[in-house]
PDB file of N, CA and C in Angstrom:
ATOM      1  N   MET A   1       0.624  -0.614  -0.100  1.00  0.00           N
ATOM      2  CA  MET A   1       0.123  -0.054   0.502  1.00  0.00           C
ATOM      3  C   MET A   1       0.610   1.319  -0.199  1.00  0.00           C
ATOM      4  N   SER A   2       2.204   1.720   1.058  1.00  0.00           N
ATOM      5  CA  SER A   2       2.905   3.026   0.321  1.00  0.00           C
ATOM      6  C   SER A   2       3.342   3.084  -0.995  1.00  0.00           C
ATOM      7  N   GLY A   3       3.931   2.026  -1.346  1.00  0.00           N
ATOM      8  CA  GLY A   3       4.271   1.908  -1.911  1.00  0.00           C
ATOM      9  C   GLY A   3       3.959   2.564  -3.386  1.00  0.00           C
ATOM     10  N   ASP A   4       1.914   2.186  -3.237  1.00  0.00           N
ATOM     11  CA  ASP A   4       1.313   2.996  -3.994  1.00  0.00           C
ATOM     12  C   ASP A   4       1.102   4.346  -4.009  1.00  0.00           C
ATOM     13  N   ARG A   5       1.247   4.542  -2.606  1.00  0.00           N
ATOM     14  CA  ARG A   5       1.125   6.148  -2.364  1.00  0.00           C
ATOM     15  C   ARG A   5       2.521   6.546  -2.763  1.00  0.00           C
ATOM     16  N   LEU A   6       3.808   6.294  -2.950  1.00  0.00           N
ATOM     17  CA  LEU A   6       4.449   6.954  -3.136  1.00  0.00           C
ATOM     18  C   LEU A   6       4.913   6.923  -4.883  1.00  0.00           C
ATOM     19  N   CYS A   7       4.419   6.276  -5.217  1.00  0.00           N
ATOM     20  CA  CYS A   7       3.771   6.524  -6.925  1.00  0.00           C
ATOM     21  C   CYS A   7       2.815   6.985  -7.144  1.00  0.00           C
ATOM     22  N   ILE A   8       1.956   7.338  -6.641  1.00  0.00           N
ATOM     23  CA  ILE A   8       0.530   8.998  -6.399  1.00  0.00           C
ATOM     24  C   ILE A   8       1.773  10.064  -6.218  1.00  0.00           C
ATOM     25  N   ASP A   9       2.289  10.335  -4.956  1.00  0.00           N
ATOM     26  CA  ASP A   9       2.879  10.918  -4.914  1.00  0.00           C
ATOM     27  C   ASP A   9       3.584  11.496  -5.906  1.00  0.00           C
ATOM     28  N   ARG A  10       4.934  10.887  -6.271  1.00  0.00           N
ATOM     29  CA  ARG A  10       5.708  11.006  -7.179  1.00  0.00           C
ATOM     30  C   ARG A  10       5.029  11.921  -8.947  1.00  0.00           C
ATOM     31  N   GLY A  11       3.604  10.721  -9.061  1.00  0.00           N
ATOM     32  CA  GLY A  11       3.102  11.666  -9.844  1.00  0.00           C
ATOM     33  C   GLY A  11       2.271  12.961 -10.074  1.00  0.00           C
ATOM     34  N   ASP A  12       2.201  13.091  -8.954  1.00  0.00           N
ATOM     35  CA  ASP A  12       1.226  15.019  -8.655  1.00  0.00           C
ATOM     36  C   ASP A  12       2.853  15.518  -8.421  1.00  0.00           C
ATOM     37  N   ALA A  13       3.410  15.435  -8.367  1.00  0.00           N
ATOM     38  CA  ALA A  13       5.128  16.266  -8.217  1.00  0.00           C
ATOM     39  C   ALA A  13       5.326  16.446  -9.006  1.00  0.00           C
ATOM     40  N   ILE A  14       5.067  15.261 -10.320  1.00  0.00           N
ATOM     41  CA  ILE A  14       5.608  15.686 -11.967  1.00  0.00           C
ATOM     42  C   ILE A  14       4.839  16.688 -12.725  1.00  0.00           C
ATOM     43  N   PHE A  15       3.659  15.876 -11.934  1.00  0.00           N
ATOM     44  CA  PHE A  15       2.222  16.660 -12.980  1.00  0.00           C
ATOM     45  C   PHE A  15       2.547  18.218 -12.397  1.00  0.00           C
ATOM     46  N   GLY A  16       2.451  18.456 -11.297  1.00  0.00           N
ATOM     47  CA  GLY A  16       2.969  19.912 -10.260  1.00  0.00           C
ATOM     48  C   GLY A  16       4.092  20.970 -11.724  1.00  0.00           C
ATOM     49  N   PHE A  17       5.041  20.266 -11.568  1.00  0.00           N
ATOM     50  CA  PHE A  17       6.637  21.176 -12.127  1.00  0.00           C
ATOM     51  C   PHE A  17       6.049  20.568 -13.986  1.00  0.00           C
ATOM     52  N   MET A  18       5.512  19.732 -14.295  1.00  0.00           N
ATOM     53  CA  MET A  18       4.518  20.041 -15.403  1.00  0.00           C
ATOM     54  C   MET A  18       4.136  21.264 -16.092  1.00  0.00           C
ATOM     55  N   LEU A  19       2.924  21.738 -14.964  1.00  0.00           N
ATOM     56  CA  LEU A  19       2.265  22.792 -14.836  1.00  0.00           C
ATOM     57  C   LEU A  19       2.461  23.964 -14.986  1.00  0.00           C
ATOM     58  N   ASN A  20       3.878  24.382 -14.268  1.00  0.00           N
ATOM     59  CA  ASN A  20       4.483  25.033 -14.127  1.00  0.00           C
ATOM     60  C   ASN A  20       5.516  25.354 -14.864  1.00  0.00           C
ATOM     61  N   LEU A  21       6.375  24.524 -15.520  1.00  0.00           N
ATOM     62  CA  LEU A  21       6.824  23.879 -17.071  1.00  0.00           C
ATOM     63  C   LEU A  21       6.171  24.667 -18.162  1.00  0.00           C
ATOM     64  N   PHE A  22       4.738  24.518 -18.238  1.00  0.00           N
ATOM     65  CA  PHE A  22       4.050  24.898 -19.025  1.00  0.00           C
ATOM     66  C   PHE A  22       3.582  26.220 -19.397  1.00  0.00           C
ATOM     67  N   SER A  23       3.287  26.736 -17.830  1.00  0.00           N
ATOM     68  CA  SER A  23       3.126  28.480 -17.684  1.00  0.00           C
ATOM     69  C   SER A  23       4.511  28.745 -18.019  1.00  0.00           C
ATOM     70  N   ILE A  24       5.419  28.843 -17.737  1.00  0.00           N
ATOM     71  CA  ILE A  24       6.874  29.337 -18.554  1.00  0.00           C
ATOM     72  C   ILE A  24       7.265  29.775 -19.415  1.00  0.00           C
ATOM     73  N   VAL A  25       6.631  28.177 -19.931  1.00  0.00           N
ATOM     74  CA  VAL A  25       6.590  28.506 -21.558  1.00  0.00           C
ATOM     75  C   VAL A  25       5.798  29.226 -22.006  1.00  0.00           C
ATOM     76  N   ILE A  26       3.829  29.431 -21.336  1.00  0.00           N
ATOM     77  CA  ILE A  26       3.242  30.385 -22.335  1.00  0.00           C
ATOM     78  C   ILE A  26       4.044  32.072 -22.129  1.00  0.00           C
ATOM     79  N   GLY A  27       4.422  32.215 -20.462  1.00  0.00           N
ATOM     80  CA  GLY A  27       5.154  33.448 -20.172  1.00  0.00           C
ATOM     81  C   GLY A  27       6.340  33.901 -21.270  1.00  0.00           C
ATOM     82  N   LEU A  28       6.841  33.018 -21.768  1.00  0.00           N
ATOM     83  CA  LEU A  28       8.174  33.463 -22.966  1.00  0.00           C
ATOM     84  C   LEU A  28       7.375  33.583 -24.067  1.00  0.00           C
ATOM     85  N   ILE A  29       6.462  33.096 -23.684  1.00  0.00           N
ATOM     86  CA  ILE A  29       5.821  33.245 -25.513  1.00  0.00           C
ATOM     87  C   ILE A  29       4.238  34.616 -25.296  1.00  0.00           C
ATOM     88  N   ALA A  30       4.564  35.088 -24.531  1.00  0.00           N
ATOM     89  CA  ALA A  30       3.618  36.330 -24.282  1.00  0.00           C
ATOM     90  C   ALA A  30       4.686  36.856 -23.904  1.00  0.00           C
ATOM     91  N   LEU A  31       5.632  37.011 -23.412  1.00  0.00           N
ATOM     92  CA  LEU A  31       6.720  38.108 -23.867  1.00  0.00           C
ATOM     93  C   LEU A  31       7.428  38.435 -24.809  1.00  0.00           C
ATOM     94  N   LEU A  32       7.331  37.138 -25.799  1.00  0.00           N
ATOM     95  CA  LEU A  32       8.108  37.413 -27.332  1.00  0.00           C
ATOM     96  C   LEU A  32       6.801  38.156 -27.659  1.00  0.00           C
ATOM     97  N   LEU A  33       5.921  38.317 -27.772  1.00  0.00           N
ATOM     98  CA  LEU A  33       4.751  38.395 -28.685  1.00  0.00           C
ATOM     99  C   LEU A  33       4.276  39.905 -27.888  1.00  0.00           C
ATOM    100  N   GLY A  34       4.955  40.915 -26.635  1.00  0.00           N
ATOM    101  CA  GLY A  34       4.685  41.097 -26.249  1.00  0.00           C
ATOM    102  C   GLY A  34       5.979  42.875 -27.145  1.00  0.00           C
ATOM    103  N   ILE A  35       6.294  42.315 -27.277  1.00  0.00           N
ATOM    104  CA  ILE A  35       7.537  43.168 -27.884  1.00  0.00           C
ATOM    105  C   ILE A  35       7.067  44.081 -28.626  1.00  0.00           C
ATOM    106  N   VAL A  36       7.041  43.355 -29.788  1.00  0.00           N
ATOM    107  CA  VAL A  36       6.102  44.410 -30.781  1.00  0.00           C
ATOM    108  C   VAL A  36       5.085  45.425 -30.470  1.00  0.00           C
ATOM    109  N   PRO A  37       4.114  45.565 -29.449  1.00  0.00           N
ATOM    110  CA  PRO A  37       3.246  46.192 -29.034  1.00  0.00           C
ATOM    111  C   PRO A  37       4.324  47.325 -28.395  1.00  0.00           C
ATOM    112  N   PHE A  38       5.440  47.149 -28.156  1.00  0.00           N
ATOM    113  CA  PHE A  38       5.892  48.237 -27.015  1.00  0.00           C
ATOM    114  C   PHE A  38       5.993  49.253 -27.556  1.00  0.00           C
ATOM    115  N   LEU A  39       6.142  48.852 -29.230  1.00  0.00           N
ATOM    116  CA  LEU A  39       6.608  50.048 -30.157  1.00  0.00           C
ATOM    117  C   LEU A  39       5.487  50.866 -30.222  1.00  0.00           C
ATOM    118  N   PRO A  40       5.679  52.295 -30.429  1.00  0.00           N
ATOM    119  CA  PRO A  40       4.622  53.534 -30.421  1.00  0.00           C
ATOM    120  C   PRO A  40       3.121  52.894 -31.823  1.00  0.00           C
ATOM    121  N   PHE A  41       2.426  53.606 -31.531  1.00  0.00           N
ATOM    122  CA  PHE A  41       0.910  53.361 -31.935  1.00  0.00           C
ATOM    123  C   PHE A  41       0.807  51.672 -32.353  1.00  0.00           C
ATOM    124  N   PHE A  42       1.344  50.979 -31.783  1.00  0.00           N
ATOM    125  CA  PHE A  42       0.963  49.068 -31.080  1.00  0.00           C
ATOM    126  C   PHE A  42       0.129  48.870 -29.920  1.00  0.00           C
ATOM    127  N   ALA A  43       0.109  49.557 -29.372  1.00  0.00           N
ATOM    128  CA  ALA A  43      -0.096  49.488 -27.411  1.00  0.00           C
ATOM    129  C   ALA A  43      -1.187  48.400 -27.512  1.00  0.00           C
ATOM    130  N   TRP A  44      -1.875  48.708 -28.774  1.00  0.00           N
ATOM    131  CA  TRP A  44      -3.406  47.786 -29.114  1.00  0.00           C
ATOM    132  C   TRP A  44      -3.535  46.493 -28.691  1.00  0.00           C
ATOM    133  N   GLY A  45      -1.762  46.340 -29.503  1.00  0.00           N
ATOM    134  CA  GLY A  45      -1.953  44.787 -29.257  1.00  0.00           C
ATOM    135  C   GLY A  45      -1.828  44.478 -28.367  1.00  0.00           C
ATOM    136  N   TYR A  46      -1.409  44.561 -27.079  1.00  0.00           N
ATOM    137  CA  TYR A  46      -2.131  44.210 -25.732  1.00  0.00           C
ATOM    138  C   TYR A  46      -3.057  43.865 -25.122  1.00  0.00           C
ATOM    139  N   TRP A  47      -4.162  43.786 -25.871  1.00  0.00           N
ATOM    140  CA  TRP A  47      -5.381  43.668 -25.782  1.00  0.00           C
ATOM    141  C   TRP A  47      -5.532  42.273 -25.825  1.00  0.00           C
ATOM    142  N   PHE A  48      -4.395  41.442 -26.900  1.00  0.00           N
ATOM    143  CA  PHE A  48      -3.866  40.184 -27.688  1.00  0.00           C
ATOM    144  C   PHE A  48      -3.266  39.254 -26.461  1.00  0.00           C
ATOM    145  N   VAL A  49      -2.350  40.147 -26.247  1.00  0.00           N
ATOM    146  CA  VAL A  49      -0.823  39.086 -25.353  1.00  0.00           C
ATOM    147  C   VAL A  49      -1.491  39.334 -24.358  1.00  0.00           C
ATOM    148  N   ILE A  50      -2.150  40.446 -23.726  1.00  0.00           N
ATOM    149  CA  ILE A  50      -2.397  39.731 -21.966  1.00  0.00           C
ATOM    150  C   ILE A  50      -3.710  39.125 -21.930  1.00  0.00           C
ATOM    151  N   PRO A  51      -4.609  38.185 -22.419  1.00  0.00           N
ATOM    152  CA  PRO A  51      -4.926  37.210 -22.242  1.00  0.00           C
ATOM    153  C   PRO A  51      -4.469  36.079 -22.161  1.00  0.00           C
ATOM    154  N   ILE A  52      -3.377  35.952 -22.991  1.00  0.00           N
ATOM    155  CA  ILE A  52      -2.047  34.697 -23.205  1.00  0.00           C
ATOM    156  C   ILE A  52      -1.801  34.846 -21.450  1.00  0.00           C
ATOM    157  N   ALA A  53      -0.770  35.908 -21.143  1.00  0.00           N
ATOM    158  CA  ALA A  53      -0.294  35.964 -19.771  1.00  0.00           C
ATOM    159  C   ALA A  53      -1.125  35.482 -18.837  1.00  0.00           C
ATOM    160  N   ILE A  54      -2.486  35.367 -19.186  1.00  0.00           N
ATOM    161  CA  ILE A  54      -3.696  35.585 -18.020  1.00  0.00           C
ATOM    162  C   ILE A  54      -3.657  33.632 -17.888  1.00  0.00           C
ATOM    163  N   ILE A  55      -4.214  33.313 -19.241  1.00  0.00           N
ATOM    164  CA  ILE A  55      -3.962  31.582 -18.719  1.00  0.00           C
ATOM    165  C   ILE A  55      -2.586  31.476 -18.471  1.00  0.00           C
ATOM    166  N   GLY A  56      -1.467  32.029 -18.681  1.00  0.00           N
ATOM    167  CA  GLY A  56      -0.032  31.456 -18.245  1.00  0.00           C
ATOM    168  C   GLY A  56      -0.297  31.228 -17.011  1.00  0.00           C
ATOM    169  N   ALA A  57      -0.957  32.680 -15.963  1.00  0.00           N
ATOM    170  CA  ALA A  57      -1.076  32.633 -14.444  1.00  0.00           C
ATOM    171  C   ALA A  57      -1.781  31.937 -14.056  1.00  0.00           C
ATOM    172  N   ALA A  58      -2.869  31.752 -14.415  1.00  0.00           N
ATOM    173  CA  ALA A  58      -3.880  30.805 -14.217  1.00  0.00           C
ATOM    174  C   ALA A  58      -2.988  28.827 -14.222  1.00  0.00           C
ATOM    175  N   ILE A  59      -2.853  28.634 -15.042  1.00  0.00           N
ATOM    176  CA  ILE A  59      -2.309  27.197 -15.069  1.00  0.00           C
ATOM    177  C   ILE A  59      -0.861  27.448 -14.245  1.00  0.00           C
ATOM    178  N   GLY A  60      -0.017  28.239 -13.992  1.00  0.00           N
ATOM    179  CA  GLY A  60       0.772  28.342 -12.826  1.00  0.00           C
ATOM    180  C   GLY A  60       0.475  28.565 -11.792  1.00  0.00           C
ATOM    181  N   ALA A  61      -0.871  28.803 -11.380  1.00  0.00           N
ATOM    182  CA  ALA A  61      -1.826  28.882 -10.028  1.00  0.00           C
ATOM    183  C   ALA A  61      -2.213  27.422  -9.712  1.00  0.00           C
ATOM    184  N   LEU A  62      -2.248  26.301 -10.436  1.00  0.00           N
ATOM    185  CA  LEU A  62      -2.612  25.118 -10.310  1.00  0.00           C
ATOM    186  C   LEU A  62      -1.346  24.016 -10.234  1.00  0.00           C
ATOM    187  N   SER A  63      -0.426  25.046 -10.666  1.00  0.00           N
ATOM    188  CA  SER A  63       1.123  24.095 -10.331  1.00  0.00           C
ATOM    189  C   SER A  63       1.532  24.298  -8.597  1.00  0.00           C
ATOM    190  N   SER A  64       2.521  22.966  -8.261  1.00  0.00           N
ATOM    191  CA  SER A  64       3.076  23.529  -6.868  1.00  0.00           C
ATOM    192  C   SER A  64       4.247  24.095  -7.190  1.00  0.00           C
ATOM    193  N   ARG A  65       4.535  24.474  -7.750  1.00  0.00           N
ATOM    194  CA  ARG A  65       5.712  25.828  -7.936  1.00  0.00           C
ATOM    195  C   ARG A  65       4.822  26.721  -8.616  1.00  0.00           C
ATOM    196  N   SER A  66       6.018  28.450  -8.324  1.00  0.00           N
ATOM    197  CA  SER A  66       4.818  29.393  -8.098  1.00  0.00           C
ATOM    198  C   SER A  66       5.950  30.603  -9.250  1.00  0.00           C
ATOM    199  N   SER A  67       6.891  30.045  -9.932  1.00  0.00           N
ATOM    200  CA  SER A  67       7.742  30.669 -11.196  1.00  0.00           C
ATOM    201  C   SER A  67       7.553  30.949 -12.001  1.00  0.00           C
ATOM    202  N   GLY A  68       6.633  29.804 -12.553  1.00  0.00           N
ATOM    203  CA  GLY A  68       5.780  30.444 -13.559  1.00  0.00           C
ATOM    204  C   GLY A  68       4.107  31.589 -13.350  1.00  0.00           C
ATOM    205  N   ARG A  69       4.203  31.459 -12.691  1.00  0.00           N
ATOM    206  CA  ARG A  69       2.530  32.450 -12.035  1.00  0.00           C
ATOM    207  C   ARG A  69       3.644  33.619 -11.720  1.00  0.00           C
ATOM    208  N   ASN A  70       4.366  33.622 -11.373  1.00  0.00           N
ATOM    209  CA  ASN A  70       4.861  34.703 -10.863  1.00  0.00           C
ATOM    210  C   ASN A  70       5.029  35.347 -11.866  1.00  0.00           C
ATOM    211  N   LEU A  71       5.826  34.606 -12.964  1.00  0.00           N
ATOM    212  CA  LEU A  71       6.468  35.158 -14.227  1.00  0.00           C
ATOM    213  C   LEU A  71       5.288  36.472 -15.242  1.00  0.00           C
ATOM    214  N   ASN A  72       4.769  35.588 -14.902  1.00  0.00           N
ATOM    215  CA  ASN A  72       2.854  35.803 -16.040  1.00  0.00           C
ATOM    216  C   ASN A  72       2.299  37.122 -15.206  1.00  0.00           C
ATOM    217  N   LEU A  73       2.578  36.798 -13.731  1.00  0.00           N
ATOM    218  CA  LEU A  73       1.553  37.983 -13.490  1.00  0.00           C
ATOM    219  C   LEU A  73       2.677  39.561 -13.789  1.00  0.00           C
ATOM    220  N   ILE A  74       3.727  39.191 -13.402  1.00  0.00           N
ATOM    221  CA  ILE A  74       4.906  40.165 -13.666  1.00  0.00           C
ATOM    222  C   ILE A  74       4.768  40.987 -15.305  1.00  0.00           C
ATOM    223  N   LEU A  75       4.486  40.139 -15.899  1.00  0.00           N
ATOM    224  CA  LEU A  75       3.931  40.272 -17.568  1.00  0.00           C
ATOM    225  C   LEU A  75       2.604  40.774 -17.345  1.00  0.00           C
ATOM    226  N   ILE A  76       1.619  40.341 -17.125  1.00  0.00           N
ATOM    227  CA  ILE A  76       0.674  41.437 -16.837  1.00  0.00           C
ATOM    228  C   ILE A  76       0.518  42.737 -15.956  1.00  0.00           C
ATOM    229  N   LEU A  77       1.525  42.402 -15.163  1.00  0.00           N
ATOM    230  CA  LEU A  77       1.495  44.390 -14.750  1.00  0.00           C
ATOM    231  C   LEU A  77       2.191  44.986 -15.728  1.00  0.00           C
ATOM    232  N   ILE A  78       2.876  44.759 -16.344  1.00  0.00           N
ATOM    233  CA  ILE A  78       3.499  45.879 -17.403  1.00  0.00           C
ATOM    234  C   ILE A  78       3.289  45.620 -18.608  1.00  0.00           C
ATOM    235  N   PHE A  79       2.634  45.122 -19.097  1.00  0.00           N
ATOM    236  CA  PHE A  79       1.377  44.883 -19.944  1.00  0.00           C
ATOM    237  C   PHE A  79       0.487  45.952 -19.975  1.00  0.00           C
ATOM    238  N   GLY A  80       0.375  45.380 -17.954  1.00  0.00           N
ATOM    239  CA  GLY A  80      -0.876  46.382 -18.392  1.00  0.00           C
ATOM    240  C   GLY A  80      -0.752  48.006 -17.668  1.00  0.00           C
ATOM    241  N   LEU A  81       0.652  48.232 -17.931  1.00  0.00           N
ATOM    242  CA  LEU A  81       0.608  49.622 -17.311  1.00  0.00           C
ATOM    243  C   LEU A  81       1.482  50.729 -18.660  1.00  0.00           C
ATOM    244  N   ARG A  82       1.770  49.636 -19.344  1.00  0.00           N
ATOM    245  CA  ARG A  82       1.921  50.027 -20.556  1.00  0.00           C
ATOM    246  C   ARG A  82       1.033  50.563 -21.421  1.00  0.00           C
ATOM    247  N   LEU A  83      -0.481  49.938 -21.468  1.00  0.00           N
ATOM    248  CA  LEU A  83      -1.536  49.557 -21.604  1.00  0.00           C
ATOM    249  C   LEU A  83      -2.284  51.128 -21.414  1.00  0.00           C
ATOM    250  N   MET A  84      -2.299  51.278 -20.378  1.00  0.00           N
ATOM    251  CA  MET A  84      -3.108  52.333 -19.901  1.00  0.00           C
ATOM    252  C   MET A  84      -1.346  53.531 -19.596  1.00  0.00           C
ATOM    253  N   LEU A  85      -0.595  53.722 -19.911  1.00  0.00           N
ATOM    254  CA  LEU A  85       0.156  54.433 -20.822  1.00  0.00           C
ATOM    255  C   LEU A  85       0.026  55.570 -21.625  1.00  0.00           C
ATOM    256  N   GLY A  86      -0.837  54.396 -22.826  1.00  0.00           N
ATOM    257  CA  GLY A  86      -1.068  54.515 -24.392  1.00  0.00           C
ATOM    258  C   GLY A  86      -2.363  55.288 -24.529  1.00  0.00           C
ATOM    259  N   GLY A  87      -2.858  55.278 -23.358  1.00  0.00           N
ATOM    260  CA  GLY A  87      -4.666  55.713 -23.094  1.00  0.00           C
ATOM    261  C   GLY A  87      -5.578  54.639 -23.733  1.00  0.00           C
ATOM    262  N   GLY A  88      -4.879  53.277 -23.647  1.00  0.00           N
ATOM    263  CA  GLY A  88      -5.847  52.425 -23.877  1.00  0.00           C
ATOM    264  C   GLY A  88      -6.749  51.154 -23.187  1.00  0.00           C
ATOM    265  N   LEU A  89      -6.444  51.102 -21.549  1.00  0.00           N
ATOM    266  CA  LEU A  89      -7.609  50.730 -20.396  1.00  0.00           C
ATOM    267  C   LEU A  89      -7.950  52.575 -20.130  1.00  0.00           C
ATOM    268  N   ILE A  90      -9.245  52.548 -19.986  1.00  0.00           N
ATOM    269  CA  ILE A  90      -9.658  53.224 -19.179  1.00  0.00           C
ATOM    270  C   ILE A  90     -10.457  52.482 -17.899  1.00  0.00           C
TER     271      ILE A  90
END
């Protein structure tokens, strides 16, 4: 019985790690997509990039680690501030 529990715990740890890794990958994709809207007159592009980072933060919140979630939350904050500075967020 205890061997089964060890296998389940290991599976949960691997699943949590994979969710965190997937969240980091989504964050890096959002970061790459967020480079173009950083240029003047393209800030409206953040309306498409911020939801990607929100999905990454949600996946990161499901994992056992917090690095993927934190990356996406920082991206949401930076992109949201840039959007407000451009007048795109009322």
